[in-house]
C-alpha atoms as a PDB file:
ATOM      1  CA  GLU A   1     117.341 122.054 115.483  1.00  0.00           C
ATOM      2  CA  GLU A   2     114.464 121.484 113.086  1.00  0.00           C
ATOM      3  CA  GLU A   3     116.442 122.999 110.189  1.00  0.00           C
ATOM      4  CA  LYS A   4     119.192 120.368 110.789  1.00  0.00           C
ATOM      5  CA  LYS A   5     116.744 117.703 109.899  1.00  0.00           C
ATOM      6  CA  LYS A   6     116.488 119.121 106.299  1.00  0.00           C
ATOM      7  CA  ILE A   7     120.220 118.784 105.708  1.00  0.00           C
ATOM      8  CA  ILE A   8     121.116 116.177 102.994  1.00  0.00           C
ATOM      9  CA  ILE A   9     124.713 115.483 102.312  1.00  0.00           C
ATOM     10  CA  ALA A  10     126.097 113.767  99.265  1.00  0.00           C
ATOM     11  CA  TYR A  11     129.199 111.571  99.868  1.00  0.00           C
ATOM     12  CA  GLU A  12     131.332 110.727  96.910  1.00  0.00           C
ATOM     13  CA  PRO A  13     135.041 109.920  96.940  1.00  0.00           C
ATOM     14  CA  ILE A  14     136.771 112.181  94.329  1.00  0.00           C
ATOM     15  CA  TRP A  15     138.744 109.127  92.975  1.00  0.00           C
ATOM     16  CA  ALA A  16     135.494 107.296  92.378  1.00  0.00           C
ATOM     17  CA  ILE A  17     133.888 110.012  90.029  1.00  0.00           C
ATOM     18  CA  GLY A  18     133.367 108.315  86.622  1.00  0.00           C
ATOM     19  CA  THR A  19     135.585 105.449  87.311  1.00  0.00           C
ATOM     20  CA  GLY A  20     132.925 102.689  88.090  1.00  0.00           C
ATOM     21  CA  LEU A  21     134.945 101.861  91.201  1.00  0.00           C
ATOM     22  CA  ILE A  22     133.581 102.109  94.669  1.00  0.00           C
ATOM     23  CA  PRO A  23     135.236 101.916  98.063  1.00  0.00           C
ATOM     24  CA  SER A  24     134.665  98.857 100.301  1.00  0.00           C
ATOM     25  CA  ASN A  25     131.407  98.738 102.247  1.00  0.00           C
ATOM     26  CA  ASN A  26     133.254  99.222 105.412  1.00  0.00           C
ATOM     27  CA  GLU A  27     134.892 102.510 104.109  1.00  0.00           C
ATOM     28  CA  ILE A  28     131.648 103.854 102.918  1.00  0.00           C
ATOM     29  CA  GLU A  29     129.878 103.022 106.168  1.00  0.00           C
ATOM     30  CA  GLU A  30     132.748 104.513 108.163  1.00  0.00           C
ATOM     31  CA  ILE A  31     132.448 107.894 106.399  1.00  0.00           C
ATOM     32  CA  ILE A  32     128.849 107.921 106.514  1.00  0.00           C
ATOM     33  CA  ASN A  33     128.784 107.158 110.181  1.00  0.00           C
ATOM     34  CA  LEU A  34     131.398 109.972 110.783  1.00  0.00           C
ATOM     35  CA  ILE A  35     129.148 112.560 108.826  1.00  0.00           C
ATOM     36  CA  LYS A  36     126.032 111.382 110.913  1.00  0.00           C
ATOM     37  CA  HIS A  37     127.995 111.529 114.174  1.00  0.00           C
ATOM     38  CA  TYR A  38     128.806 115.226 113.574  1.00  0.00           C
ATOM     39  CA  LEU A  39     125.551 116.180 111.995  1.00  0.00           C
ATOM     40  CA  PRO A  40     122.948 113.869 113.582  1.00  0.00           C
ATOM     41  CA  ASN A  41     119.535 113.600 111.970  1.00  0.00           C
ATOM     42  CA  THR A  42     120.853 114.447 108.493  1.00  0.00           C
ATOM     43  CA  LYS A  43     120.419 112.230 105.361  1.00  0.00           C
ATOM     44  CA  VAL A  44     123.435 111.035 103.542  1.00  0.00           C
ATOM     45  CA  LEU A  45     123.375 110.085  99.889  1.00  0.00           C
ATOM     46  CA  TYR A  46     126.120 107.928  98.306  1.00  0.00           C
ATOM     47  CA  GLY A  47     127.378 108.928  94.985  1.00  0.00           C
ATOM     48  CA  GLY A  48     130.717 107.585  93.599  1.00  0.00           C
ATOM     49  CA  SER A  49     129.829 105.515  90.644  1.00  0.00           C
ATOM     50  CA  ALA A  50     126.602 103.937  92.076  1.00  0.00           C
ATOM     51  CA  ASN A  51     125.243 102.010  89.158  1.00  0.00           C
ATOM     52  CA  GLU A  52     123.144  98.982  88.126  1.00  0.00           C
ATOM     53  CA  ASN A  53     126.137  96.599  88.708  1.00  0.00           C
ATOM     54  CA  ASN A  54     127.009  97.480  92.277  1.00  0.00           C
ATOM     55  CA  ILE A  55     123.598  98.495  93.538  1.00  0.00           C
ATOM     56  CA  GLU A  56     123.160  95.083  95.396  1.00  0.00           C
ATOM     57  CA  GLU A  57     126.425  95.618  97.309  1.00  0.00           C
ATOM     58  CA  LEU A  58     125.574  99.122  98.119  1.00  0.00           C
ATOM     59  CA  ARG A  59     122.282  98.272  99.487  1.00  0.00           C
ATOM     60  CA  GLU A  60     123.885  96.287 102.220  1.00  0.00           C
ATOM     61  CA  ILE A  61     125.031  99.394 103.706  1.00  0.00           C
ATOM     62  CA  SER A  62     122.158 100.394 106.025  1.00  0.00           C
ATOM     63  CA  SER A  63     123.355 103.952 106.739  1.00  0.00           C
ATOM     64  CA  ILE A  64     123.026 104.980 103.238  1.00  0.00           C
ATOM     65  CA  ASP A  65     119.840 107.088 102.905  1.00  0.00           C
ATOM     66  CA  GLY A  66     119.849 107.220  99.155  1.00  0.00           C
ATOM     67  CA  TYR A  67     121.951 107.685  96.079  1.00  0.00           C
ATOM     68  CA  LEU A  68     123.353 110.565  94.095  1.00  0.00           C
ATOM     69  CA  LEU A  69     123.464 109.429  90.472  1.00  0.00           C
ATOM     70  CA  GLY A  70     125.809 111.226  88.053  1.00  0.00           C
ATOM     71  CA  GLY A  71     126.775 109.472  84.715  1.00  0.00           C
ATOM     72  CA  LEU A  72     124.088 106.858  85.264  1.00  0.00           C
ATOM     73  CA  SER A  73     121.402 109.507  85.023  1.00  0.00           C
ATOM     74  CA  LEU A  74     122.419 110.125  81.428  1.00  0.00           C
ATOM     75  CA  LYS A  75     121.823 106.488  80.494  1.00  0.00           C
ATOM     76  CA  PRO A  76     118.179 105.788  80.543  1.00  0.00           C
ATOM     77  CA  GLU A  77     118.210 102.081  79.951  1.00  0.00           C
ATOM     78  CA  LYS A  78     120.836 101.567  82.870  1.00  0.00           C
ATOM     79  CA  LEU A  79     118.957 104.091  85.048  1.00  0.00           C
ATOM     80  CA  ASP A  80     115.752 102.077  84.446  1.00  0.00           C
ATOM     81  CA  ILE A  81     117.594  98.948  85.728  1.00  0.00           C
ATOM     82  CA  PHE A  82     118.989 100.780  88.758  1.00  0.00           C
ATOM     83  CA  LEU A  83     115.704 102.159  89.715  1.00  0.00           C
ATOM     84  CA  LYS A  84     113.881  98.917  89.495  1.00  0.00           C
ATOM     85  CA  GLN A  85     116.540  97.111  91.587  1.00  0.00           C
ATOM     86  CA  THR A  86     116.455  99.867  94.244  1.00  0.00           C
ATOM     87  CA  CYS A  87     112.729 101.021  94.337  1.00  0.00           C
ATOM     88  CA  GLN A  88     111.101  97.599  93.926  1.00  0.00           C
ATOM     89  CA  ARG A  89     113.155  95.958  96.707  1.00  0.00           C
ATOM     90  CA  LYS A  90     112.775  99.018  99.112  1.00  0.00           C
ATOM     91  CA  TYR A  91     109.090  99.155  98.366  1.00  0.00           C
ATOM     92  CA  GLU A  92     108.588  95.464  98.847  1.00  0.00           C
ATOM     93  CA  GLU A  93     110.087  95.530 102.241  1.00  0.00           C
ATOM     94  CA  THR A  94     106.744  97.007 103.400  1.00  0.00           C
ATOM     95  CA  HIS A  95     104.395  96.197 100.458  1.00  0.00           C
ATOM     96  CA  SER A  96     103.534  93.311  98.210  1.00  0.00           C
ATOM     97  CA  ARG A  97     104.829  93.045  94.671  1.00  0.00           C
ATOM     98  CA  ASP A  98     101.280  93.704  93.433  1.00  0.00           C
ATOM     99  CA  ASP A  99     101.308  96.933  95.394  1.00  0.00           C
ATOM    100  CA  PHE A 100     104.519  97.891  93.592  1.00  0.00           C
ATOM    101  CA  ILE A 101     103.153  97.159  90.172  1.00  0.00           C
ATOM    102  CA  LYS A 102     100.035  99.322  90.909  1.00  0.00           C
ATOM    103  CA  LEU A 103     102.313 102.088  92.103  1.00  0.00           C
ATOM    104  CA  ILE A 104     104.545 102.310  88.942  1.00  0.00           C
ATOM    105  CA  GLY A 105     102.293 100.855  86.397  1.00  0.00           C
ATOM    106  CA  ARG A 106     101.676  97.243  85.281  1.00  0.00           C
ATOM    107  CA  ASN A 107     102.941  97.942  81.721  1.00  0.00           C
ATOM    108  CA  TYR A 108     106.233  99.086  83.032  1.00  0.00           C
ATOM    109  CA  ILE A 109     106.910  95.821  84.732  1.00  0.00           C
ATOM    110  CA  GLU A 110     105.506  93.618  82.023  1.00  0.00           C
ATOM    111  CA  GLU A 111     107.541  95.035  79.369  1.00  0.00           C
ATOM    112  CA  ASP A 112     110.710  94.298  81.419  1.00  0.00           C
ATOM    113  CA  THR A 113     109.735  90.532  81.767  1.00  0.00           C
ATOM    114  CA  LYS A 114     109.114  90.010  78.054  1.00  0.00           C
END
């Protein structure tokens, strides 16, 4: 049972790979919930063209445990935007903005706001 807690599954619809298109939030949530029903205590990452343009929409799906980044990981400037949007908001749910700045470095944030 302890080993099952270490399982991480990446869900990515084959038709979404490299297209920039994603299923509806309801479709994503339905599949992730189905996976978690059959494999409780597993983490499920969403792939399928997750990017800086759709992260706000994807963040609305509470069952997503993280993201599997494909093509986005090859574009540093876009990956940078995605990580700031994802990590900052997630961190700020339990910490202050000042704590986040200390965590990743003040220069990193200040460069982005110039």
